[in-house]
Protein backbone atom coordinates (compact mmCIF):
# COMPACT_ATOMS: atom_id res chain seq x y z
CA MET A 1 -20.34 -12.85 4.94
CA LYS A 2 -18.09 -10.55 6.96
CA PRO A 3 -17.28 -7.22 5.25
CA SER A 4 -13.66 -6.68 4.29
CA ALA A 5 -11.42 -4.13 5.96
CA TYR A 6 -11.62 -2.13 2.73
CA ASP A 7 -15.42 -2.12 2.72
CA ILE A 8 -15.51 -1.03 6.36
CA ALA A 9 -12.99 1.77 5.72
CA LYS A 10 -14.82 2.91 2.60
CA ALA A 11 -18.07 3.11 4.61
CA GLY A 12 -16.38 5.42 7.11
CA GLY A 13 -15.49 2.82 9.74
CA ARG A 14 -12.17 1.57 11.04
CA HIS A 15 -9.20 2.69 8.93
CA SER A 16 -11.33 5.25 7.02
CA GLY A 17 -8.73 7.93 7.69
CA PHE A 18 -6.00 5.59 6.51
CA LEU A 19 -7.92 4.96 3.27
CA GLU A 20 -8.59 8.66 2.78
CA ASP A 21 -4.93 9.55 3.36
CA HIS A 22 -3.73 6.97 0.86
CA SER A 23 -6.39 7.60 -1.81
CA THR A 24 -4.43 10.59 -3.10
CA LYS A 25 -1.06 8.83 -3.21
CA THR A 26 0.51 7.50 -6.36
CA ASP A 27 0.58 3.79 -7.15
CA GLY A 28 4.31 3.80 -6.40
CA GLU A 29 3.77 5.34 -2.98
CA ILE A 30 1.05 2.82 -2.21
CA ASN A 31 3.27 -0.08 -3.30
CA ARG A 32 6.02 1.26 -1.06
CA SER A 33 3.53 1.41 1.84
CA ILE A 34 2.51 -2.19 1.16
CA ARG A 35 6.15 -3.30 1.26
CA SER A 36 6.71 -1.40 4.50
CA LEU A 37 3.61 -2.85 6.15
CA THR A 38 4.56 -6.35 4.99
CA ALA A 39 7.97 -5.90 6.61
CA GLN A 40 6.23 -4.78 9.82
CA VAL A 41 4.06 -7.92 9.76
CA GLU A 42 7.17 -10.08 9.37
CA THR A 43 8.94 -8.24 12.20
CA HIS A 44 5.98 -8.55 14.55
CA ASN A 45 5.57 -12.24 13.74
CA ASP A 46 9.23 -12.69 14.66
CA LYS A 47 8.61 -10.76 17.88
CA ILE A 48 5.81 -13.19 18.72
CA ALA A 49 7.96 -16.23 17.87
CA ASN A 50 11.19 -14.94 19.48
CA PRO A 51 10.22 -12.31 22.05
CA MET A 52 13.47 -12.39 24.00
CA LYS A 53 15.31 -11.23 20.88
CA TRP A 54 13.24 -8.02 21.00
CA VAL A 55 12.69 -7.09 24.63
CA ASP A 56 14.75 -6.22 27.66
CA PRO A 57 15.42 -9.43 29.60
CA THR A 58 14.33 -7.68 32.80
CA LEU A 59 10.81 -7.15 31.45
CA SER A 60 8.23 -8.71 33.74
CA PRO A 61 6.70 -12.02 32.62
CA GLN A 62 3.24 -10.42 32.74
CA HIS A 63 4.28 -7.59 30.45
CA LEU A 64 6.01 -10.00 28.07
CA ASN A 65 2.92 -12.20 28.01
CA GLY A 66 0.77 -9.18 27.16
CA LEU A 67 3.05 -8.28 24.27
CA VAL A 68 3.11 -11.84 22.88
CA THR A 69 -0.55 -12.72 23.33
CA SER A 70 -2.26 -9.39 22.80
CA TYR A 71 -0.32 -6.34 21.61
CA TRP A 72 1.84 -7.78 18.83
CA PRO A 73 -0.95 -9.96 17.37
CA LYS A 74 -3.24 -6.91 17.28
CA GLU A 75 -0.53 -4.99 15.46
CA VAL A 76 -0.18 -7.83 12.92
CA ALA A 77 -3.96 -7.79 12.36
CA ASN A 78 -3.94 -4.01 11.96
CA PHE A 79 -1.08 -4.03 9.45
CA THR A 80 -2.71 -6.90 7.53
CA GLN A 81 -5.96 -4.95 7.27
CA GLN A 82 -4.08 -1.91 6.03
CA ILE A 83 -2.32 -4.01 3.39
CA GLU A 84 -5.69 -5.34 2.22
CA ILE A 85 -7.06 -1.78 2.00
CA LEU A 86 -4.11 -0.62 -0.09
CA GLU A 87 -4.27 -3.64 -2.41
CA ARG A 88 -7.99 -3.06 -3.00
CA LEU A 89 -7.34 0.64 -3.58
CA LEU A 90 -4.85 -0.27 -6.30
CA MET A 91 -7.28 -2.77 -7.84
CA GLU A 92 -10.03 -0.16 -8.04
CA ARG A 93 -7.72 2.18 -9.92
CA LYS A 94 -7.14 -0.31 -12.72
CA PRO A 95 -9.33 0.30 -15.78
């Protein structure tokens, strides 16, 4: 079974700094971060689905392709992992 983003961050791997930074925040601040990251996921998914709405029409097809097939999907994955980390952080705080 693949370890979760939270488990990797807690072990000092990817997103460990993100987890450390957020571990001292209040539940309200963490919930606000989750909402913000969720909005970013939605925005980036729209960028993937409707790229011309978001980029300069003179952008080269190669650059546009890189954004749609690589950069924006990586950003979505990154934000999704961060959301998972924050949700698990909140769950661990519950008695």
